Amino acid sequence: MTEKIKLIVADDQKELAQELKSVLETDGGLEVVALASDGFDAFEKIGRYRPDVVLMDIRMPNMNGVVATQRIKSEYPDVKVVVLTTFDDSDYILNAINNGASGYLLKDTSSSALIDAVKNAYKGDTILPSKIARRITDAAKNVAADREIKLTRAFSLSGREVEIALMMYEGFTNRQISAALKLTEGTTRNYVSSIYVKTGSENRAEAVRAIQAVL
């Protein structure tokens, strides 16, 4: 007998979470092992239930889906996270993808599409609804360009420093930055130190606050 794909559904709306559970379990190959009320709850329950996939609402109290995705992928890199969103959550979606989400689904996705998406995410596919893919791509370009201009003007950062400053703002560690940009950790530390100087900061937390204030 083939093992079922185990899921955690994280949504602060209990009725919706229960509805999603019911829909998913109409497929004999899926099992919802737990429901979570927010991102922190989801993160805590992963250690206990060891799911294959987390279906994650993006807007939740205490810890939203973006932060939860980052924590989950850091501690449990093999767990797939699929973000549930509405049409207007472009910035949230971009952050979630950047932090390791396998993709995202609109909350009005049909039952069959939801089940297929979970199975595809489990296989390693990226879930990107064509309906809003263009909008998200355009938003990403606009947000990135706007942020780069603001940081360059505020702190006279170089192109590479801007890139790293934005990754720091998104919560990437030096090691993650190095891996993503194919830099040695020493080189990354040098860039980070330069960002500290240019932003008038003593440490990473201060630098992130300075960057946030500009963005």
N, C-alpha and C. Protein backbone atom coordinates (compact mmCIF):
# COMPACT_ATOMS: atom_id res chain seq x y z
N MET A 1 0.84 -1.21 0.00
CA MET A 1 0.00 0.00 0.00
C MET A 1 0.87 1.25 0.00
N THR A 2 0.57 2.19 -0.89
CA THR A 2 1.34 3.42 -0.99
C THR A 2 1.08 4.31 0.23
N GLU A 3 2.14 4.88 0.79
CA GLU A 3 1.97 5.77 1.94
C GLU A 3 1.27 7.05 1.50
N LYS A 4 0.44 7.57 2.40
CA LYS A 4 -0.26 8.80 2.10
C LYS A 4 0.66 10.00 2.26
N ILE A 5 0.36 11.07 1.52
CA ILE A 5 1.05 12.34 1.69
C ILE A 5 0.45 13.01 2.92
N LYS A 6 1.28 13.30 3.90
CA LYS A 6 0.80 13.89 5.15
C LYS A 6 0.87 15.42 5.08
N LEU A 7 -0.20 16.08 5.55
CA LEU A 7 -0.28 17.54 5.48
C LEU A 7 -0.63 18.16 6.82
N ILE A 8 -0.16 19.40 6.98
CA ILE A 8 -0.67 20.29 8.02
C ILE A 8 -1.32 21.46 7.30
N VAL A 9 -2.52 21.83 7.72
CA VAL A 9 -3.21 23.00 7.18
C VAL A 9 -3.14 24.11 8.22
N ALA A 10 -2.54 25.24 7.85
CA ALA A 10 -2.39 26.37 8.77
C ALA A 10 -3.25 27.53 8.30
N ASP A 11 -4.27 27.86 9.08
CA ASP A 11 -5.16 28.98 8.76
C ASP A 11 -5.84 29.40 10.06
N ASP A 12 -5.86 30.71 10.33
CA ASP A 12 -6.46 31.18 11.57
C ASP A 12 -8.00 31.13 11.53
N GLN A 13 -8.56 30.93 10.36
CA GLN A 13 -10.01 30.75 10.25
C GLN A 13 -10.32 29.25 10.36
N LYS A 14 -10.79 28.85 11.53
CA LYS A 14 -10.95 27.42 11.83
C LYS A 14 -11.90 26.73 10.86
N GLU A 15 -12.98 27.41 10.50
CA GLU A 15 -13.94 26.78 9.59
C GLU A 15 -13.32 26.53 8.22
N LEU A 16 -12.53 27.48 7.74
CA LEU A 16 -11.87 27.31 6.45
C LEU A 16 -10.84 26.18 6.52
N ALA A 17 -10.09 26.13 7.61
CA ALA A 17 -9.09 25.07 7.78
C ALA A 17 -9.76 23.70 7.77
N GLN A 18 -10.90 23.59 8.46
CA GLN A 18 -11.62 22.32 8.50
C GLN A 18 -12.18 21.97 7.13
N GLU A 19 -12.63 23.00 6.42
CA GLU A 19 -13.15 22.78 5.06
C GLU A 19 -12.04 22.28 4.13
N LEU A 20 -10.87 22.89 4.24
CA LEU A 20 -9.73 22.45 3.44
C LEU A 20 -9.36 21.01 3.76
N LYS A 21 -9.38 20.68 5.03
CA LYS A 21 -9.09 19.30 5.46
C LYS A 21 -10.06 18.32 4.81
N SER A 22 -11.33 18.67 4.84
CA SER A 22 -12.35 17.80 4.27
C SER A 22 -12.15 17.61 2.77
N VAL A 23 -11.83 18.71 2.09
CA VAL A 23 -11.61 18.65 0.64
C VAL A 23 -10.39 17.78 0.32
N LEU A 24 -9.29 18.02 1.01
CA LEU A 24 -8.06 17.29 0.74
C LEU A 24 -8.23 15.79 0.98
N GLU A 25 -8.98 15.44 2.02
CA GLU A 25 -9.09 14.03 2.37
C GLU A 25 -10.15 13.29 1.54
N THR A 26 -10.75 13.99 0.56
CA THR A 26 -11.57 13.26 -0.41
C THR A 26 -10.68 12.44 -1.32
N ASP A 27 -9.38 12.77 -1.34
CA ASP A 27 -8.41 12.00 -2.10
C ASP A 27 -7.76 10.99 -1.15
N GLY A 28 -7.84 9.74 -1.49
CA GLY A 28 -7.32 8.69 -0.62
C GLY A 28 -5.82 8.73 -0.40
N GLY A 29 -5.12 9.52 -1.22
CA GLY A 29 -3.67 9.58 -1.08
C GLY A 29 -3.19 10.69 -0.17
N LEU A 30 -4.13 11.47 0.39
CA LEU A 30 -3.78 12.61 1.24
C LEU A 30 -4.34 12.42 2.64
N GLU A 31 -3.58 12.83 3.64
CA GLU A 31 -4.03 12.78 5.02
C GLU A 31 -3.62 14.06 5.75
N VAL A 32 -4.58 14.81 6.27
CA VAL A 32 -4.30 16.00 7.07
C VAL A 32 -4.06 15.54 8.51
N VAL A 33 -2.82 15.62 8.95
CA VAL A 33 -2.46 15.09 10.27
C VAL A 33 -2.67 16.11 11.38
N ALA A 34 -2.79 17.40 11.01
CA ALA A 34 -3.01 18.44 12.03
C ALA A 34 -3.48 19.72 11.38
N LEU A 35 -4.21 20.53 12.17
CA LEU A 35 -4.57 21.88 11.79
C LEU A 35 -3.79 22.84 12.69
N ALA A 36 -3.39 23.99 12.13
CA ALA A 36 -2.64 24.98 12.91
C ALA A 36 -3.33 26.33 12.79
N SER A 37 -3.32 27.09 13.89
CA SER A 37 -4.05 28.36 13.94
C SER A 37 -3.23 29.56 13.48
N ASP A 38 -1.90 29.40 13.40
CA ASP A 38 -1.03 30.46 12.90
C ASP A 38 0.32 29.86 12.53
N GLY A 39 1.23 30.70 12.07
CA GLY A 39 2.52 30.20 11.62
C GLY A 39 3.33 29.56 12.73
N PHE A 40 3.27 30.14 13.92
CA PHE A 40 4.02 29.58 15.05
C PHE A 40 3.49 28.20 15.40
N ASP A 41 2.18 28.07 15.42
CA ASP A 41 1.55 26.78 15.71
C ASP A 41 1.95 25.74 14.66
N ALA A 42 1.98 26.16 13.40
CA ALA A 42 2.38 25.25 12.32
C ALA A 42 3.81 24.77 12.51
N PHE A 43 4.70 25.72 12.81
CA PHE A 43 6.10 25.37 13.02
C PHE A 43 6.26 24.38 14.17
N GLU A 44 5.55 24.62 15.26
CA GLU A 44 5.63 23.74 16.42
C GLU A 44 5.12 22.34 16.09
N LYS A 45 4.06 22.26 15.31
CA LYS A 45 3.44 20.96 15.03
C LYS A 45 4.22 20.13 14.01
N ILE A 46 5.07 20.77 13.24
CA ILE A 46 5.87 20.02 12.27
C ILE A 46 6.76 19.02 12.98
N GLY A 47 7.37 19.44 14.09
CA GLY A 47 8.24 18.55 14.84
C GLY A 47 7.51 17.33 15.38
N ARG A 48 6.22 17.51 15.67
CA ARG A 48 5.43 16.42 16.25
C ARG A 48 4.84 15.50 15.19
N TYR A 49 4.36 16.10 14.08
CA TYR A 49 3.62 15.30 13.10
C TYR A 49 4.41 14.95 11.84
N ARG A 50 5.52 15.62 11.62
CA ARG A 50 6.38 15.33 10.47
C ARG A 50 5.61 15.24 9.15
N PRO A 51 4.97 16.33 8.74
CA PRO A 51 4.21 16.31 7.48
C PRO A 51 5.15 16.37 6.28
N ASP A 52 4.60 16.04 5.14
CA ASP A 52 5.33 16.19 3.87
C ASP A 52 5.09 17.58 3.29
N VAL A 53 3.88 18.10 3.49
CA VAL A 53 3.47 19.37 2.91
C VAL A 53 2.72 20.20 3.96
N VAL A 54 2.98 21.50 3.97
CA VAL A 54 2.20 22.43 4.79
C VAL A 54 1.45 23.36 3.85
N LEU A 55 0.13 23.41 4.03
CA LEU A 55 -0.70 24.36 3.28
C LEU A 55 -0.86 25.57 4.19
N MET A 56 -0.27 26.70 3.80
CA MET A 56 -0.04 27.81 4.72
C MET A 56 -0.79 29.08 4.28
N ASP A 57 -1.73 29.51 5.12
CA ASP A 57 -2.35 30.81 4.88
C ASP A 57 -1.28 31.88 5.05
N ILE A 58 -1.37 32.96 4.30
CA ILE A 58 -0.30 33.95 4.34
C ILE A 58 -0.53 35.03 5.40
N ARG A 59 -1.80 35.35 5.66
CA ARG A 59 -2.09 36.41 6.63
C ARG A 59 -2.67 35.78 7.90
N MET A 60 -1.85 35.70 8.93
CA MET A 60 -2.27 35.12 10.20
C MET A 60 -1.67 35.91 11.35
N PRO A 61 -2.31 35.89 12.52
CA PRO A 61 -1.76 36.59 13.69
C PRO A 61 -0.55 35.85 14.25
N ASN A 62 0.16 36.51 15.16
CA ASN A 62 1.31 35.93 15.89
C ASN A 62 2.52 35.66 15.00
N MET A 63 2.36 34.87 13.95
CA MET A 63 3.43 34.67 12.97
C MET A 63 2.77 34.42 11.62
N ASN A 64 3.03 35.32 10.65
CA ASN A 64 2.37 35.16 9.35
C ASN A 64 3.02 34.06 8.53
N GLY A 65 2.42 33.78 7.38
CA GLY A 65 2.88 32.68 6.56
C GLY A 65 4.27 32.85 5.98
N VAL A 66 4.68 34.10 5.75
CA VAL A 66 6.02 34.36 5.21
C VAL A 66 7.10 34.00 6.23
N VAL A 67 6.96 34.51 7.44
CA VAL A 67 7.94 34.23 8.49
C VAL A 67 7.94 32.74 8.82
N ALA A 68 6.75 32.16 8.89
CA ALA A 68 6.66 30.73 9.19
C ALA A 68 7.34 29.89 8.12
N THR A 69 7.16 30.27 6.86
CA THR A 69 7.80 29.55 5.76
C THR A 69 9.31 29.59 5.90
N GLN A 70 9.84 30.76 6.23
CA GLN A 70 11.29 30.90 6.40
C GLN A 70 11.79 29.98 7.51
N ARG A 71 11.10 29.97 8.65
CA ARG A 71 11.51 29.14 9.78
C ARG A 71 11.41 27.66 9.45
N ILE A 72 10.33 27.29 8.79
CA ILE A 72 10.13 25.88 8.44
C ILE A 72 11.20 25.40 7.49
N LYS A 73 11.47 26.17 6.44
CA LYS A 73 12.46 25.75 5.45
C LYS A 73 13.87 25.73 6.03
N SER A 74 14.11 26.58 7.04
CA SER A 74 15.41 26.59 7.70
C SER A 74 15.61 25.34 8.54
N GLU A 75 14.58 24.93 9.27
CA GLU A 75 14.68 23.78 10.18
C GLU A 75 14.32 22.46 9.52
N TYR A 76 13.38 22.52 8.57
CA TYR A 76 12.90 21.30 7.93
C TYR A 76 12.89 21.50 6.41
N PRO A 77 14.05 21.52 5.80
CA PRO A 77 14.14 21.86 4.37
C PRO A 77 13.39 20.92 3.44
N ASP A 78 13.13 19.69 3.88
CA ASP A 78 12.44 18.74 3.01
C ASP A 78 10.93 18.92 3.01
N VAL A 79 10.41 19.68 3.97
CA VAL A 79 8.97 19.92 4.03
C VAL A 79 8.59 20.95 2.95
N LYS A 80 7.60 20.61 2.15
CA LYS A 80 7.13 21.54 1.12
C LYS A 80 6.08 22.48 1.72
N VAL A 81 6.19 23.75 1.39
CA VAL A 81 5.22 24.73 1.87
C VAL A 81 4.51 25.34 0.67
N VAL A 82 3.19 25.22 0.67
CA VAL A 82 2.37 25.84 -0.37
C VAL A 82 1.54 26.93 0.30
N VAL A 83 1.67 28.13 -0.19
CA VAL A 83 1.03 29.29 0.43
C VAL A 83 -0.36 29.52 -0.17
N LEU A 84 -1.32 29.77 0.73
CA LEU A 84 -2.67 30.15 0.31
C LEU A 84 -2.78 31.66 0.34
N THR A 85 -3.33 32.24 -0.71
CA THR A 85 -3.32 33.69 -0.82
C THR A 85 -4.57 34.20 -1.52
N THR A 86 -4.71 35.51 -1.51
CA THR A 86 -5.74 36.16 -2.31
C THR A 86 -5.05 36.88 -3.46
N PHE A 87 -5.84 37.39 -4.36
CA PHE A 87 -5.28 38.03 -5.56
C PHE A 87 -4.42 39.23 -5.25
N ASP A 88 -4.65 39.88 -4.12
CA ASP A 88 -3.99 41.16 -3.83
C ASP A 88 -2.74 41.06 -2.96
N ASP A 89 -2.23 39.86 -2.76
CA ASP A 89 -1.11 39.67 -1.84
C ASP A 89 0.25 39.59 -2.52
N SER A 90 0.47 40.38 -3.57
CA SER A 90 1.69 40.26 -4.38
C SER A 90 2.97 40.29 -3.55
N ASP A 91 3.10 41.29 -2.67
CA ASP A 91 4.33 41.42 -1.89
C ASP A 91 4.53 40.23 -0.96
N TYR A 92 3.46 39.80 -0.31
CA TYR A 92 3.56 38.64 0.57
C TYR A 92 4.02 37.41 -0.20
N ILE A 93 3.45 37.22 -1.37
CA ILE A 93 3.76 36.04 -2.17
C ILE A 93 5.24 36.03 -2.56
N LEU A 94 5.74 37.17 -3.01
CA LEU A 94 7.14 37.26 -3.40
C LEU A 94 8.04 36.90 -2.24
N ASN A 95 7.73 37.42 -1.06
CA ASN A 95 8.54 37.12 0.12
C ASN A 95 8.47 35.64 0.46
N ALA A 96 7.30 35.04 0.34
CA ALA A 96 7.15 33.63 0.65
C ALA A 96 7.98 32.78 -0.30
N ILE A 97 7.91 33.08 -1.58
CA ILE A 97 8.69 32.34 -2.58
C ILE A 97 10.19 32.50 -2.30
N ASN A 98 10.60 33.73 -2.00
CA ASN A 98 12.01 33.99 -1.71
C ASN A 98 12.48 33.21 -0.48
N ASN A 99 11.56 32.92 0.42
CA ASN A 99 11.92 32.22 1.65
C ASN A 99 11.69 30.71 1.57
N GLY A 100 11.49 30.21 0.35
CA GLY A 100 11.49 28.76 0.18
C GLY A 100 10.16 28.09 -0.10
N ALA A 101 9.08 28.86 -0.23
CA ALA A 101 7.78 28.25 -0.53
C ALA A 101 7.83 27.57 -1.90
N SER A 102 7.10 26.48 -2.00
CA SER A 102 7.05 25.75 -3.27
C SER A 102 6.09 26.38 -4.26
N GLY A 103 5.37 27.39 -3.80
CA GLY A 103 4.45 28.07 -4.69
C GLY A 103 3.26 28.58 -3.90
N TYR A 104 2.21 28.95 -4.62
CA TYR A 104 1.06 29.50 -3.94
C TYR A 104 -0.21 29.18 -4.71
N LEU A 105 -1.32 29.20 -3.97
CA LEU A 105 -2.63 28.93 -4.54
C LEU A 105 -3.59 30.03 -4.14
N LEU A 106 -4.50 30.36 -5.02
CA LEU A 106 -5.56 31.28 -4.65
C LEU A 106 -6.58 30.55 -3.78
N LYS A 107 -7.17 31.28 -2.84
CA LYS A 107 -8.12 30.64 -1.92
C LYS A 107 -9.38 30.15 -2.61
N ASP A 108 -9.64 30.64 -3.83
CA ASP A 108 -10.83 30.17 -4.54
C ASP A 108 -10.50 29.04 -5.53
N THR A 109 -9.33 28.43 -5.36
CA THR A 109 -8.93 27.31 -6.21
C THR A 109 -9.93 26.17 -6.07
N SER A 110 -10.23 25.51 -7.17
CA SER A 110 -11.17 24.39 -7.13
C SER A 110 -10.59 23.23 -6.32
N SER A 111 -11.47 22.35 -5.88
CA SER A 111 -11.05 21.21 -5.06
C SER A 111 -10.05 20.33 -5.80
N SER A 112 -10.34 20.03 -7.06
CA SER A 112 -9.45 19.16 -7.83
C SER A 112 -8.10 19.82 -8.06
N ALA A 113 -8.10 21.13 -8.31
CA ALA A 113 -6.84 21.85 -8.53
C ALA A 113 -6.02 21.91 -7.24
N LEU A 114 -6.70 22.06 -6.10
CA LEU A 114 -6.02 22.08 -4.81
C LEU A 114 -5.32 20.75 -4.55
N ILE A 115 -6.03 19.67 -4.79
CA ILE A 115 -5.45 18.34 -4.57
C ILE A 115 -4.28 18.10 -5.51
N ASP A 116 -4.45 18.45 -6.77
CA ASP A 116 -3.37 18.28 -7.75
C ASP A 116 -2.15 19.12 -7.36
N ALA A 117 -2.39 20.34 -6.89
CA ALA A 117 -1.28 21.23 -6.53
C ALA A 117 -0.48 20.66 -5.36
N VAL A 118 -1.17 20.11 -4.37
CA VAL A 118 -0.48 19.52 -3.22
C VAL A 118 0.38 18.33 -3.68
N LYS A 119 -0.17 17.51 -4.53
CA LYS A 119 0.58 16.35 -5.03
C LYS A 119 1.79 16.80 -5.85
N ASN A 120 1.61 17.83 -6.67
CA ASN A 120 2.71 18.33 -7.49
C ASN A 120 3.80 18.97 -6.64
N ALA A 121 3.38 19.69 -5.60
CA ALA A 121 4.37 20.29 -4.70
C ALA A 121 5.18 19.20 -4.01
N TYR A 122 4.50 18.14 -3.60
CA TYR A 122 5.16 17.00 -2.96
C TYR A 122 6.22 16.40 -3.88
N LYS A 123 5.94 16.40 -5.18
CA LYS A 123 6.89 15.85 -6.15
C LYS A 123 8.05 16.80 -6.43
N GLY A 124 7.92 18.07 -5.97
CA GLY A 124 9.00 19.03 -6.18
C GLY A 124 8.70 20.11 -7.19
N ASP A 125 7.48 20.13 -7.70
CA ASP A 125 7.11 21.16 -8.68
C ASP A 125 6.85 22.49 -7.99
N THR A 126 6.98 23.58 -8.74
CA THR A 126 6.63 24.90 -8.26
C THR A 126 5.21 25.23 -8.71
N ILE A 127 4.37 25.65 -7.75
CA ILE A 127 2.97 25.91 -8.04
C ILE A 127 2.79 27.40 -8.36
N LEU A 128 2.44 27.71 -9.59
CA LEU A 128 2.34 29.10 -10.03
C LEU A 128 1.09 29.26 -10.91
N PRO A 129 -0.02 29.68 -10.35
CA PRO A 129 -1.24 29.83 -11.14
C PRO A 129 -1.05 30.83 -12.28
N SER A 130 -1.34 30.41 -13.49
CA SER A 130 -1.14 31.28 -14.65
C SER A 130 -2.00 32.53 -14.55
N LYS A 131 -3.11 32.41 -13.84
CA LYS A 131 -4.07 33.51 -13.71
C LYS A 131 -3.42 34.78 -13.16
N ILE A 132 -2.45 34.61 -12.25
CA ILE A 132 -1.84 35.80 -11.65
C ILE A 132 -0.31 35.82 -11.80
N ALA A 133 0.23 34.89 -12.55
CA ALA A 133 1.68 34.84 -12.70
C ALA A 133 2.24 36.13 -13.28
N ARG A 134 1.58 36.66 -14.29
CA ARG A 134 2.07 37.89 -14.92
C ARG A 134 2.01 39.06 -13.93
N ARG A 135 0.93 39.13 -13.18
CA ARG A 135 0.81 40.22 -12.20
C ARG A 135 1.92 40.15 -11.16
N ILE A 136 2.22 38.96 -10.69
CA ILE A 136 3.26 38.79 -9.67
C ILE A 136 4.63 39.14 -10.25
N THR A 137 4.87 38.70 -11.48
CA THR A 137 6.15 39.01 -12.13
C THR A 137 6.33 40.51 -12.28
N ASP A 138 5.29 41.20 -12.72
CA ASP A 138 5.36 42.65 -12.86
C ASP A 138 5.56 43.33 -11.51
N ALA A 139 4.86 42.84 -10.51
CA ALA A 139 5.00 43.41 -9.16
C ALA A 139 6.42 43.23 -8.65
N ALA A 140 6.98 42.06 -8.92
CA ALA A 140 8.34 41.78 -8.46
C ALA A 140 9.33 42.76 -9.07
N LYS A 141 9.17 43.00 -10.36
CA LYS A 141 10.07 43.93 -11.04
C LYS A 141 9.94 45.34 -10.47
N ASN A 142 8.69 45.76 -10.28
CA ASN A 142 8.46 47.11 -9.78
C ASN A 142 8.96 47.30 -8.36
N VAL A 143 8.67 46.31 -7.51
CA VAL A 143 9.11 46.39 -6.12
C VAL A 143 10.62 46.40 -6.03
N ALA A 144 11.26 45.50 -6.79
CA ALA A 144 12.72 45.40 -6.76
C ALA A 144 13.36 46.70 -7.23
N ALA A 145 12.86 47.24 -8.34
CA ALA A 145 13.43 48.47 -8.88
C ALA A 145 13.25 49.63 -7.91
N ASP A 146 12.08 49.73 -7.31
CA ASP A 146 11.79 50.82 -6.37
C ASP A 146 12.69 50.73 -5.14
N ARG A 147 12.84 49.53 -4.62
CA ARG A 147 13.68 49.34 -3.43
C ARG A 147 15.14 49.64 -3.73
N GLU A 148 15.61 49.19 -4.88
CA GLU A 148 17.01 49.43 -5.26
C GLU A 148 17.29 50.93 -5.34
N ILE A 149 16.39 51.67 -5.96
CA ILE A 149 16.58 53.12 -6.09
C ILE A 149 16.61 53.78 -4.71
N LYS A 150 15.69 53.40 -3.85
CA LYS A 150 15.63 53.99 -2.51
C LYS A 150 16.91 53.74 -1.72
N LEU A 151 17.40 52.50 -1.76
CA LEU A 151 18.62 52.17 -1.00
C LEU A 151 19.85 52.85 -1.57
N THR A 152 19.91 52.92 -2.88
CA THR A 152 21.06 53.57 -3.52
C THR A 152 21.11 55.05 -3.15
N ARG A 153 19.95 55.70 -3.20
CA ARG A 153 19.89 57.14 -2.88
C ARG A 153 20.17 57.40 -1.40
N ALA A 154 19.65 56.54 -0.54
CA ALA A 154 19.76 56.79 0.90
C ALA A 154 21.16 56.53 1.44
N PHE A 155 21.82 55.48 0.94
CA PHE A 155 23.08 55.05 1.55
C PHE A 155 24.25 54.97 0.58
N SER A 156 24.03 55.32 -0.68
CA SER A 156 25.10 55.24 -1.70
C SER A 156 25.68 53.83 -1.78
N LEU A 157 24.81 52.83 -1.73
CA LEU A 157 25.26 51.44 -1.83
C LEU A 157 25.58 51.07 -3.27
N SER A 158 26.51 50.17 -3.44
CA SER A 158 26.80 49.64 -4.77
C SER A 158 25.69 48.67 -5.16
N GLY A 159 25.69 48.23 -6.41
CA GLY A 159 24.67 47.30 -6.88
C GLY A 159 24.65 46.02 -6.07
N ARG A 160 25.83 45.47 -5.81
CA ARG A 160 25.93 44.23 -5.02
C ARG A 160 25.51 44.46 -3.58
N GLU A 161 25.87 45.62 -3.02
CA GLU A 161 25.48 45.93 -1.64
C GLU A 161 23.96 46.07 -1.53
N VAL A 162 23.33 46.66 -2.54
CA VAL A 162 21.88 46.77 -2.55
C VAL A 162 21.25 45.37 -2.53
N GLU A 163 21.79 44.50 -3.36
CA GLU A 163 21.28 43.14 -3.46
C GLU A 163 21.37 42.43 -2.10
N ILE A 164 22.51 42.57 -1.45
CA ILE A 164 22.72 41.92 -0.16
C ILE A 164 21.89 42.60 0.94
N ALA A 165 21.78 43.91 0.88
CA ALA A 165 20.98 44.64 1.87
C ALA A 165 19.52 44.17 1.82
N LEU A 166 18.99 43.97 0.63
CA LEU A 166 17.62 43.49 0.49
C LEU A 166 17.47 42.07 1.03
N MET A 167 18.47 41.25 0.82
CA MET A 167 18.42 39.88 1.34
C MET A 167 18.51 39.88 2.87
N MET A 168 19.32 40.77 3.41
CA MET A 168 19.37 40.93 4.88
C MET A 168 18.00 41.32 5.40
N TYR A 169 17.37 42.25 4.72
CA TYR A 169 16.04 42.73 5.11
C TYR A 169 15.02 41.59 5.08
N GLU A 170 15.18 40.68 4.11
CA GLU A 170 14.26 39.55 3.99
C GLU A 170 14.56 38.44 5.00
N GLY A 171 15.66 38.60 5.75
CA GLY A 171 15.97 37.62 6.80
C GLY A 171 16.99 36.56 6.42
N PHE A 172 17.66 36.71 5.28
CA PHE A 172 18.67 35.74 4.88
C PHE A 172 19.91 35.86 5.79
N THR A 173 20.50 34.73 6.14
CA THR A 173 21.75 34.72 6.88
C THR A 173 22.91 34.91 5.91
N ASN A 174 24.10 35.18 6.45
CA ASN A 174 25.28 35.32 5.59
C ASN A 174 25.50 34.05 4.77
N ARG A 175 25.31 32.91 5.39
CA ARG A 175 25.52 31.65 4.68
C ARG A 175 24.54 31.51 3.53
N GLN A 176 23.28 31.85 3.76
CA GLN A 176 22.27 31.76 2.71
C GLN A 176 22.56 32.76 1.58
N ILE A 177 23.01 33.95 1.96
CA ILE A 177 23.38 34.95 0.94
C ILE A 177 24.54 34.44 0.10
N SER A 178 25.53 33.89 0.76
CA SER A 178 26.70 33.36 0.04
C SER A 178 26.30 32.28 -0.95
N ALA A 179 25.43 31.37 -0.50
CA ALA A 179 25.00 30.28 -1.37
C ALA A 179 24.19 30.80 -2.55
N ALA A 180 23.30 31.74 -2.27
CA ALA A 180 22.43 32.25 -3.33
C ALA A 180 23.19 33.05 -4.38
N LEU A 181 24.19 33.82 -3.92
CA LEU A 181 24.94 34.69 -4.84
C LEU A 181 26.27 34.10 -5.29
N LYS A 182 26.53 32.87 -4.81
CA LYS A 182 27.78 32.18 -5.16
C LYS A 182 29.01 32.99 -4.75
N LEU A 183 28.98 33.47 -3.50
CA LEU A 183 30.10 34.21 -2.92
C LEU A 183 30.69 33.40 -1.78
N THR A 184 31.96 33.64 -1.46
CA THR A 184 32.51 33.03 -0.26
C THR A 184 31.90 33.74 0.94
N GLU A 185 31.87 33.06 2.08
CA GLU A 185 31.30 33.69 3.27
C GLU A 185 32.13 34.90 3.70
N GLY A 186 33.45 34.84 3.45
CA GLY A 186 34.30 35.98 3.77
C GLY A 186 33.94 37.20 2.95
N THR A 187 33.68 37.00 1.67
CA THR A 187 33.29 38.10 0.79
C THR A 187 31.95 38.68 1.23
N THR A 188 31.03 37.80 1.58
CA THR A 188 29.72 38.26 2.05
C THR A 188 29.87 39.08 3.32
N ARG A 189 30.71 38.62 4.24
CA ARG A 189 30.93 39.37 5.49
C ARG A 189 31.49 40.75 5.20
N ASN A 190 32.36 40.86 4.21
CA ASN A 190 32.93 42.16 3.84
C ASN A 190 31.84 43.11 3.32
N TYR A 191 30.96 42.57 2.48
CA TYR A 191 29.86 43.39 1.98
C TYR A 191 28.95 43.83 3.12
N VAL A 192 28.64 42.90 4.02
CA VAL A 192 27.76 43.21 5.14
C VAL A 192 28.40 44.28 6.03
N SER A 193 29.70 44.17 6.26
CA SER A 193 30.40 45.17 7.06
C SER A 193 30.33 46.54 6.41
N SER A 194 30.48 46.57 5.08
CA SER A 194 30.38 47.84 4.35
C SER A 194 28.98 48.43 4.49
N ILE A 195 27.96 47.56 4.46
CA ILE A 195 26.58 48.02 4.63
C ILE A 195 26.39 48.61 6.02
N TYR A 196 27.00 47.99 7.02
CA TYR A 196 26.93 48.54 8.38
C TYR A 196 27.47 49.98 8.39
N VAL A 197 28.62 50.16 7.78
CA VAL A 197 29.26 51.48 7.77
C VAL A 197 28.37 52.50 7.07
N LYS A 198 27.88 52.13 5.89
CA LYS A 198 27.12 53.09 5.09
C LYS A 198 25.75 53.40 5.68
N THR A 199 25.21 52.48 6.47
CA THR A 199 23.91 52.73 7.10
C THR A 199 24.08 53.27 8.53
N GLY A 200 25.33 53.44 8.96
CA GLY A 200 25.59 53.95 10.29
C GLY A 200 25.16 53.00 11.38
N SER A 201 25.37 51.71 11.15
CA SER A 201 24.89 50.68 12.07
C SER A 201 26.04 49.96 12.76
N GLU A 202 25.75 49.47 13.95
CA GLU A 202 26.75 48.71 14.70
C GLU A 202 26.59 47.20 14.51
N ASN A 203 25.40 46.77 14.12
CA ASN A 203 25.15 45.34 13.99
C ASN A 203 24.05 45.09 12.97
N ARG A 204 23.73 43.82 12.77
CA ARG A 204 22.77 43.45 11.75
C ARG A 204 21.37 43.99 12.04
N ALA A 205 20.96 43.89 13.30
CA ALA A 205 19.62 44.36 13.66
C ALA A 205 19.45 45.85 13.36
N GLU A 206 20.49 46.64 13.68
CA GLU A 206 20.43 48.08 13.40
C GLU A 206 20.40 48.33 11.90
N ALA A 207 21.19 47.57 11.16
CA ALA A 207 21.23 47.74 9.71
C ALA A 207 19.88 47.42 9.09
N VAL A 208 19.26 46.35 9.54
CA VAL A 208 17.95 45.96 9.01
C VAL A 208 16.91 47.04 9.32
N ARG A 209 16.99 47.63 10.52
CA ARG A 209 16.05 48.70 10.87
C ARG A 209 16.26 49.92 9.98
N ALA A 210 17.53 50.22 9.70
CA ALA A 210 17.84 51.36 8.82
C ALA A 210 17.32 51.12 7.40
N ILE A 211 17.51 49.89 6.94
CA ILE A 211 17.03 49.53 5.60
C ILE A 211 15.50 49.60 5.56
N GLN A 212 14.88 49.06 6.60
CA GLN A 212 13.41 49.06 6.67
C GLN A 212 12.84 50.46 6.66
N ALA A 213 13.52 51.37 7.36
CA ALA A 213 13.05 52.75 7.44
C ALA A 213 13.04 53.41 6.07
N VAL A 214 13.96 53.04 5.23
CA VAL A 214 14.04 53.61 3.88
C VAL A 214 13.02 52.99 2.94
N LEU A 215 12.81 51.70 3.10
CA LEU A 215 11.88 50.98 2.21
C LEU A 215 10.43 51.26 2.53
